[in-house]
Amino acid sequence: MVCIYCSGATRVANSRPQKRLMQVWRRRHCKSCGAIFTTTEAIELGTSLVVRRTNGAVAPFNRDKLFMSIMRAVGHRQTPLEDASALTATIIAKLRRSTTQAAVGPSDIVTVALATLKHFDTAAAVQYGAYHKG
């Protein structure tokens, strides 16, 4: 990676995986100007995970679509935005671990989301299940 200040070469001084967020945090040092900055690396879900529909069509995985459906389900909670964000990350991590292929079905997403929501909040699971059939 190049330096964000001078475009010089950088070296990684420290690196830590963030399993829950499926990211890697890195502290970088510029060899030219000596600047220190932090970067994060995350999986590009739209290209690395696809949804195979029942008719055979393939569409890129859309994190925002999942997030919005989870957000509607946890809307009754005190901190719905934080809860939906954490739940979405958990569901995506479980989907990535459960499949060895790059394609998942809509029913797989619903099944994992329902199981995760049942463990977190039964009312949210009922709300989600009312709109998503597994």
N, C-alpha and C. Protein backbone atom coordinates (compact mmCIF):
# COMPACT_ATOMS: atom_id res chain seq x y z
N MET A 1 0.85 -1.18 0.00
CA MET A 1 0.00 0.00 0.00
C MET A 1 0.89 1.23 0.00
N VAL A 2 0.39 2.30 -0.58
CA VAL A 2 1.14 3.54 -0.63
C VAL A 2 0.68 4.47 0.49
N CYS A 3 1.55 5.39 0.86
CA CYS A 3 1.28 6.36 1.91
C CYS A 3 0.16 7.31 1.46
N ILE A 4 -0.75 7.62 2.36
CA ILE A 4 -1.85 8.52 2.03
C ILE A 4 -1.40 9.98 1.96
N TYR A 5 -0.20 10.26 2.45
CA TYR A 5 0.31 11.63 2.46
C TYR A 5 1.28 11.91 1.32
N CYS A 6 2.24 11.00 1.09
CA CYS A 6 3.28 11.26 0.09
C CYS A 6 3.32 10.22 -1.04
N SER A 7 2.48 9.22 -1.00
CA SER A 7 2.41 8.13 -1.98
C SER A 7 3.65 7.24 -1.98
N GLY A 8 4.42 7.28 -0.92
CA GLY A 8 5.59 6.43 -0.78
C GLY A 8 5.20 5.03 -0.32
N ALA A 9 6.15 4.12 -0.36
CA ALA A 9 5.92 2.75 0.08
C ALA A 9 5.74 2.70 1.59
N THR A 10 4.91 1.78 2.07
CA THR A 10 4.67 1.63 3.50
C THR A 10 5.00 0.21 3.94
N ARG A 11 5.16 0.05 5.25
CA ARG A 11 5.34 -1.27 5.82
C ARG A 11 4.32 -1.42 6.95
N VAL A 12 3.92 -2.66 7.19
CA VAL A 12 2.95 -2.95 8.24
C VAL A 12 3.71 -3.11 9.55
N ALA A 13 3.36 -2.28 10.54
CA ALA A 13 4.01 -2.36 11.84
C ALA A 13 3.23 -3.24 12.81
N ASN A 14 1.92 -3.31 12.64
CA ASN A 14 1.08 -4.08 13.55
C ASN A 14 -0.17 -4.50 12.78
N SER A 15 -0.64 -5.70 13.03
CA SER A 15 -1.82 -6.21 12.33
C SER A 15 -2.63 -7.06 13.29
N ARG A 16 -3.95 -6.83 13.30
CA ARG A 16 -4.82 -7.59 14.20
C ARG A 16 -6.11 -7.95 13.48
N PRO A 17 -6.47 -9.23 13.49
CA PRO A 17 -7.75 -9.62 12.90
C PRO A 17 -8.90 -9.23 13.83
N GLN A 18 -9.99 -8.79 13.23
CA GLN A 18 -11.20 -8.49 13.97
C GLN A 18 -12.25 -9.48 13.48
N LYS A 19 -12.31 -10.63 14.13
CA LYS A 19 -13.13 -11.74 13.65
C LYS A 19 -14.60 -11.38 13.57
N ARG A 20 -15.11 -10.68 14.54
CA ARG A 20 -16.54 -10.37 14.56
C ARG A 20 -16.94 -9.49 13.38
N LEU A 21 -16.06 -8.57 13.02
CA LEU A 21 -16.35 -7.67 11.90
C LEU A 21 -15.81 -8.19 10.58
N MET A 22 -15.11 -9.32 10.61
CA MET A 22 -14.48 -9.90 9.43
C MET A 22 -13.57 -8.87 8.74
N GLN A 23 -12.74 -8.23 9.54
CA GLN A 23 -11.81 -7.23 9.04
C GLN A 23 -10.43 -7.49 9.60
N VAL A 24 -9.45 -6.85 9.00
CA VAL A 24 -8.09 -6.87 9.53
C VAL A 24 -7.67 -5.42 9.73
N TRP A 25 -7.26 -5.10 10.94
CA TRP A 25 -6.78 -3.77 11.30
C TRP A 25 -5.28 -3.76 11.13
N ARG A 26 -4.73 -2.72 10.48
CA ARG A 26 -3.28 -2.63 10.29
C ARG A 26 -2.77 -1.23 10.60
N ARG A 27 -1.66 -1.19 11.33
CA ARG A 27 -0.94 0.08 11.57
C ARG A 27 0.20 0.11 10.56
N ARG A 28 0.27 1.18 9.79
CA ARG A 28 1.27 1.28 8.72
C ARG A 28 2.21 2.46 8.97
N HIS A 29 3.48 2.28 8.55
CA HIS A 29 4.50 3.32 8.63
C HIS A 29 5.00 3.60 7.22
N CYS A 30 5.12 4.88 6.88
CA CYS A 30 5.64 5.25 5.57
C CYS A 30 7.16 5.25 5.63
N LYS A 31 7.79 4.61 4.63
CA LYS A 31 9.25 4.55 4.58
C LYS A 31 9.85 5.88 4.12
N SER A 32 9.07 6.68 3.41
CA SER A 32 9.58 7.95 2.88
C SER A 32 9.43 9.11 3.86
N CYS A 33 8.19 9.38 4.29
CA CYS A 33 7.95 10.56 5.13
C CYS A 33 7.81 10.23 6.62
N GLY A 34 7.73 8.95 6.96
CA GLY A 34 7.64 8.55 8.36
C GLY A 34 6.25 8.64 8.96
N ALA A 35 5.25 8.93 8.16
CA ALA A 35 3.87 9.04 8.66
C ALA A 35 3.38 7.69 9.17
N ILE A 36 2.49 7.74 10.15
CA ILE A 36 1.87 6.55 10.72
C ILE A 36 0.37 6.69 10.52
N PHE A 37 -0.26 5.66 9.97
CA PHE A 37 -1.70 5.69 9.79
C PHE A 37 -2.27 4.28 9.90
N THR A 38 -3.57 4.21 10.04
CA THR A 38 -4.25 2.93 10.25
C THR A 38 -5.15 2.62 9.06
N THR A 39 -5.18 1.36 8.67
CA THR A 39 -6.09 0.91 7.62
C THR A 39 -6.87 -0.31 8.11
N THR A 40 -7.98 -0.57 7.47
CA THR A 40 -8.73 -1.80 7.72
C THR A 40 -8.99 -2.47 6.38
N GLU A 41 -8.92 -3.78 6.39
CA GLU A 41 -9.23 -4.57 5.20
C GLU A 41 -10.47 -5.37 5.50
N ALA A 42 -11.42 -5.35 4.57
CA ALA A 42 -12.66 -6.09 4.75
C ALA A 42 -12.98 -6.85 3.46
N ILE A 43 -13.74 -7.90 3.60
CA ILE A 43 -14.17 -8.69 2.46
C ILE A 43 -15.16 -7.88 1.64
N GLU A 44 -15.00 -7.89 0.33
CA GLU A 44 -15.96 -7.28 -0.57
C GLU A 44 -17.06 -8.31 -0.82
N LEU A 45 -18.15 -8.19 -0.09
CA LEU A 45 -19.19 -9.22 -0.13
C LEU A 45 -19.89 -9.30 -1.49
N GLY A 46 -20.01 -8.19 -2.18
CA GLY A 46 -20.69 -8.19 -3.47
C GLY A 46 -20.02 -9.05 -4.51
N THR A 47 -18.71 -9.24 -4.39
CA THR A 47 -17.99 -10.06 -5.37
C THR A 47 -17.59 -11.42 -4.83
N SER A 48 -17.51 -11.56 -3.52
CA SER A 48 -17.06 -12.84 -2.96
C SER A 48 -18.20 -13.74 -2.48
N LEU A 49 -19.40 -13.21 -2.42
CA LEU A 49 -20.55 -14.00 -1.99
C LEU A 49 -21.73 -13.62 -2.89
N VAL A 50 -22.35 -14.62 -3.48
CA VAL A 50 -23.50 -14.36 -4.35
C VAL A 50 -24.70 -15.14 -3.86
N VAL A 51 -25.87 -14.66 -4.24
CA VAL A 51 -27.13 -15.30 -3.87
C VAL A 51 -27.69 -15.99 -5.11
N ARG A 52 -27.88 -17.29 -5.00
CA ARG A 52 -28.46 -18.07 -6.11
C ARG A 52 -29.95 -18.22 -5.85
N ARG A 53 -30.73 -17.58 -6.69
CA ARG A 53 -32.19 -17.62 -6.56
C ARG A 53 -32.73 -18.97 -6.99
N THR A 54 -33.99 -19.25 -6.66
CA THR A 54 -34.60 -20.54 -6.98
C THR A 54 -34.75 -20.75 -8.49
N ASN A 55 -34.83 -19.66 -9.27
CA ASN A 55 -34.94 -19.80 -10.72
C ASN A 55 -33.58 -19.95 -11.39
N GLY A 56 -32.50 -19.99 -10.61
CA GLY A 56 -31.16 -20.17 -11.14
C GLY A 56 -30.39 -18.89 -11.35
N ALA A 57 -31.04 -17.76 -11.27
CA ALA A 57 -30.37 -16.47 -11.44
C ALA A 57 -29.42 -16.22 -10.27
N VAL A 58 -28.33 -15.54 -10.56
CA VAL A 58 -27.33 -15.24 -9.55
C VAL A 58 -27.26 -13.73 -9.38
N ALA A 59 -27.27 -13.27 -8.13
CA ALA A 59 -27.18 -11.84 -7.81
C ALA A 59 -26.11 -11.65 -6.75
N PRO A 60 -25.43 -10.51 -6.78
CA PRO A 60 -24.43 -10.25 -5.73
C PRO A 60 -25.11 -10.11 -4.36
N PHE A 61 -24.41 -10.56 -3.33
CA PHE A 61 -24.93 -10.44 -1.97
C PHE A 61 -25.00 -8.95 -1.62
N ASN A 62 -26.11 -8.53 -1.02
CA ASN A 62 -26.30 -7.13 -0.67
C ASN A 62 -26.42 -7.00 0.84
N ARG A 63 -25.36 -6.54 1.49
CA ARG A 63 -25.34 -6.39 2.94
C ARG A 63 -26.41 -5.41 3.40
N ASP A 64 -26.62 -4.34 2.64
CA ASP A 64 -27.58 -3.32 3.04
C ASP A 64 -29.00 -3.85 3.07
N LYS A 65 -29.33 -4.73 2.14
CA LYS A 65 -30.66 -5.33 2.11
C LYS A 65 -30.89 -6.17 3.38
N LEU A 66 -29.88 -6.95 3.75
CA LEU A 66 -29.97 -7.74 4.98
C LEU A 66 -30.07 -6.82 6.19
N PHE A 67 -29.24 -5.79 6.21
CA PHE A 67 -29.24 -4.85 7.33
C PHE A 67 -30.61 -4.21 7.52
N MET A 68 -31.24 -3.77 6.42
CA MET A 68 -32.54 -3.11 6.54
C MET A 68 -33.62 -4.07 7.05
N SER A 69 -33.58 -5.32 6.62
CA SER A 69 -34.58 -6.27 7.11
C SER A 69 -34.36 -6.57 8.60
N ILE A 70 -33.11 -6.64 9.02
CA ILE A 70 -32.81 -6.84 10.45
C ILE A 70 -33.20 -5.59 11.24
N MET A 71 -32.95 -4.42 10.67
CA MET A 71 -33.29 -3.16 11.32
C MET A 71 -34.79 -3.07 11.58
N ARG A 72 -35.60 -3.48 10.61
CA ARG A 72 -37.05 -3.49 10.80
C ARG A 72 -37.45 -4.45 11.92
N ALA A 73 -36.76 -5.58 12.00
CA ALA A 73 -37.10 -6.58 13.01
C ALA A 73 -36.73 -6.13 14.42
N VAL A 74 -35.66 -5.37 14.57
CA VAL A 74 -35.22 -4.95 15.91
C VAL A 74 -35.59 -3.49 16.21
N GLY A 75 -36.50 -2.95 15.43
CA GLY A 75 -36.91 -1.55 15.59
C GLY A 75 -37.51 -1.24 16.95
N HIS A 76 -38.02 -2.23 17.66
CA HIS A 76 -38.63 -2.02 18.97
C HIS A 76 -37.61 -1.89 20.10
N ARG A 77 -36.37 -2.18 19.84
CA ARG A 77 -35.35 -2.18 20.89
C ARG A 77 -34.85 -0.77 21.19
N GLN A 78 -34.12 -0.63 22.30
CA GLN A 78 -33.60 0.68 22.71
C GLN A 78 -32.53 1.21 21.76
N THR A 79 -31.68 0.31 21.25
CA THR A 79 -30.59 0.70 20.35
C THR A 79 -30.68 -0.10 19.05
N PRO A 80 -31.68 0.19 18.22
CA PRO A 80 -31.89 -0.65 17.03
C PRO A 80 -30.76 -0.56 16.00
N LEU A 81 -30.16 0.60 15.83
CA LEU A 81 -29.09 0.75 14.84
C LEU A 81 -27.87 -0.08 15.21
N GLU A 82 -27.44 0.01 16.46
CA GLU A 82 -26.29 -0.76 16.92
C GLU A 82 -26.58 -2.26 16.89
N ASP A 83 -27.79 -2.63 17.34
CA ASP A 83 -28.17 -4.04 17.36
C ASP A 83 -28.22 -4.61 15.95
N ALA A 84 -28.82 -3.87 15.02
CA ALA A 84 -28.94 -4.35 13.63
C ALA A 84 -27.57 -4.48 12.98
N SER A 85 -26.69 -3.54 13.27
CA SER A 85 -25.34 -3.60 12.71
C SER A 85 -24.57 -4.82 13.21
N ALA A 86 -24.62 -5.05 14.51
CA ALA A 86 -23.93 -6.21 15.09
C ALA A 86 -24.55 -7.52 14.63
N LEU A 87 -25.87 -7.58 14.57
CA LEU A 87 -26.54 -8.80 14.12
C LEU A 87 -26.23 -9.09 12.66
N THR A 88 -26.19 -8.06 11.83
CA THR A 88 -25.87 -8.25 10.41
C THR A 88 -24.46 -8.81 10.27
N ALA A 89 -23.52 -8.27 11.01
CA ALA A 89 -22.14 -8.79 10.96
C ALA A 89 -22.09 -10.24 11.42
N THR A 90 -22.84 -10.57 12.45
CA THR A 90 -22.88 -11.95 12.96
C THR A 90 -23.48 -12.90 11.93
N ILE A 91 -24.57 -12.49 11.30
CA ILE A 91 -25.23 -13.33 10.30
C ILE A 91 -24.31 -13.56 9.10
N ILE A 92 -23.64 -12.53 8.65
CA ILE A 92 -22.74 -12.67 7.50
C ILE A 92 -21.57 -13.58 7.86
N ALA A 93 -21.04 -13.44 9.06
CA ALA A 93 -19.94 -14.31 9.50
C ALA A 93 -20.40 -15.77 9.54
N LYS A 94 -21.60 -16.02 10.04
CA LYS A 94 -22.12 -17.39 10.08
C LYS A 94 -22.35 -17.93 8.68
N LEU A 95 -22.83 -17.09 7.76
CA LEU A 95 -23.02 -17.52 6.38
C LEU A 95 -21.69 -17.89 5.74
N ARG A 96 -20.67 -17.09 5.98
CA ARG A 96 -19.35 -17.35 5.39
C ARG A 96 -18.76 -18.65 5.94
N ARG A 97 -18.99 -18.92 7.23
CA ARG A 97 -18.47 -20.14 7.84
C ARG A 97 -19.26 -21.38 7.43
N SER A 98 -20.55 -21.20 7.14
CA SER A 98 -21.40 -22.35 6.87
C SER A 98 -21.30 -22.86 5.43
N THR A 99 -20.74 -22.07 4.55
CA THR A 99 -20.67 -22.49 3.15
C THR A 99 -19.22 -22.56 2.68
N THR A 100 -18.95 -23.55 1.86
CA THR A 100 -17.62 -23.65 1.26
C THR A 100 -17.65 -23.11 -0.16
N GLN A 101 -18.83 -22.74 -0.63
CA GLN A 101 -18.99 -22.19 -1.96
C GLN A 101 -19.23 -20.69 -1.86
N ALA A 102 -19.15 -20.01 -2.99
CA ALA A 102 -19.38 -18.57 -3.01
C ALA A 102 -20.86 -18.23 -3.15
N ALA A 103 -21.72 -19.24 -3.31
CA ALA A 103 -23.14 -18.99 -3.51
C ALA A 103 -23.96 -19.51 -2.33
N VAL A 104 -24.92 -18.71 -1.93
CA VAL A 104 -25.88 -19.11 -0.90
C VAL A 104 -27.28 -18.88 -1.45
N GLY A 105 -28.22 -19.59 -0.92
CA GLY A 105 -29.61 -19.42 -1.33
C GLY A 105 -30.33 -18.47 -0.39
N PRO A 106 -31.40 -17.86 -0.86
CA PRO A 106 -32.17 -16.97 0.01
C PRO A 106 -32.66 -17.70 1.27
N SER A 107 -33.01 -18.98 1.13
CA SER A 107 -33.49 -19.72 2.30
C SER A 107 -32.37 -19.92 3.32
N ASP A 108 -31.10 -20.03 2.84
CA ASP A 108 -29.97 -20.14 3.76
C ASP A 108 -29.82 -18.87 4.59
N ILE A 109 -29.98 -17.73 3.93
CA ILE A 109 -29.87 -16.44 4.61
C ILE A 109 -30.97 -16.31 5.66
N VAL A 110 -32.20 -16.66 5.28
CA VAL A 110 -33.33 -16.57 6.21
C VAL A 110 -33.13 -17.50 7.40
N THR A 111 -32.67 -18.72 7.14
CA THR A 111 -32.47 -19.70 8.22
C THR A 111 -31.44 -19.21 9.22
N VAL A 112 -30.31 -18.71 8.73
CA VAL A 112 -29.25 -18.22 9.62
C VAL A 112 -29.72 -16.98 10.36
N ALA A 113 -30.41 -16.08 9.67
CA ALA A 113 -30.90 -14.86 10.31
C ALA A 113 -31.91 -15.19 11.40
N LEU A 114 -32.83 -16.10 11.12
CA LEU A 114 -33.82 -16.47 12.13
C LEU A 114 -33.19 -17.12 13.35
N ALA A 115 -32.24 -18.00 13.13
CA ALA A 115 -31.56 -18.64 14.26
C ALA A 115 -30.81 -17.62 15.11
N THR A 116 -30.16 -16.69 14.45
CA THR A 116 -29.41 -15.65 15.17
C THR A 116 -30.36 -14.74 15.95
N LEU A 117 -31.45 -14.35 15.30
CA LEU A 117 -32.42 -13.47 15.97
C LEU A 117 -33.12 -14.18 17.14
N LYS A 118 -33.43 -15.46 16.99
CA LYS A 118 -34.06 -16.21 18.09
C LYS A 118 -33.16 -16.23 19.31
N HIS A 119 -31.86 -16.37 19.07
CA HIS A 119 -30.91 -16.37 20.17
C HIS A 119 -30.80 -14.99 20.81
N PHE A 120 -31.00 -13.93 20.03
CA PHE A 120 -30.84 -12.56 20.51
C PHE A 120 -32.12 -11.98 21.09
N ASP A 121 -33.24 -12.10 20.35
CA ASP A 121 -34.49 -11.48 20.77
C ASP A 121 -35.65 -12.21 20.07
N THR A 122 -36.46 -12.89 20.82
CA THR A 122 -37.54 -13.69 20.26
C THR A 122 -38.54 -12.84 19.49
N ALA A 123 -38.85 -11.67 20.01
CA ALA A 123 -39.81 -10.78 19.32
C ALA A 123 -39.26 -10.35 17.96
N ALA A 124 -37.98 -10.08 17.89
CA ALA A 124 -37.35 -9.71 16.62
C ALA A 124 -37.39 -10.87 15.64
N ALA A 125 -37.20 -12.09 16.14
CA ALA A 125 -37.26 -13.27 15.29
C ALA A 125 -38.66 -13.47 14.73
N VAL A 126 -39.67 -13.25 15.54
CA VAL A 126 -41.05 -13.38 15.08
C VAL A 126 -41.34 -12.31 14.03
N GLN A 127 -40.90 -11.10 14.27
CA GLN A 127 -41.08 -9.99 13.32
C GLN A 127 -40.40 -10.30 11.99
N TYR A 128 -39.17 -10.79 12.04
CA TYR A 128 -38.41 -11.13 10.83
C TYR A 128 -39.07 -12.30 10.10
N GLY A 129 -39.48 -13.32 10.85
CA GLY A 129 -40.10 -14.50 10.28
C GLY A 129 -41.43 -14.22 9.61
N ALA A 130 -42.14 -13.17 10.06
CA ALA A 130 -43.42 -12.83 9.46
C ALA A 130 -43.27 -12.35 8.03
N TYR A 131 -42.12 -11.78 7.69
CA TYR A 131 -41.90 -11.23 6.35
C TYR A 131 -40.97 -12.08 5.48
N HIS A 132 -40.26 -13.02 6.08
CA HIS A 132 -39.29 -13.82 5.34
C HIS A 132 -39.59 -15.30 5.56
N LYS A 133 -39.90 -15.96 4.50
CA LYS A 133 -40.19 -17.39 4.59
C LYS A 133 -38.91 -18.19 4.31
N GLY A 134 -38.59 -19.15 5.19
CA GLY A 134 -37.35 -19.93 5.06
C GLY A 134 -37.45 -21.08 4.12
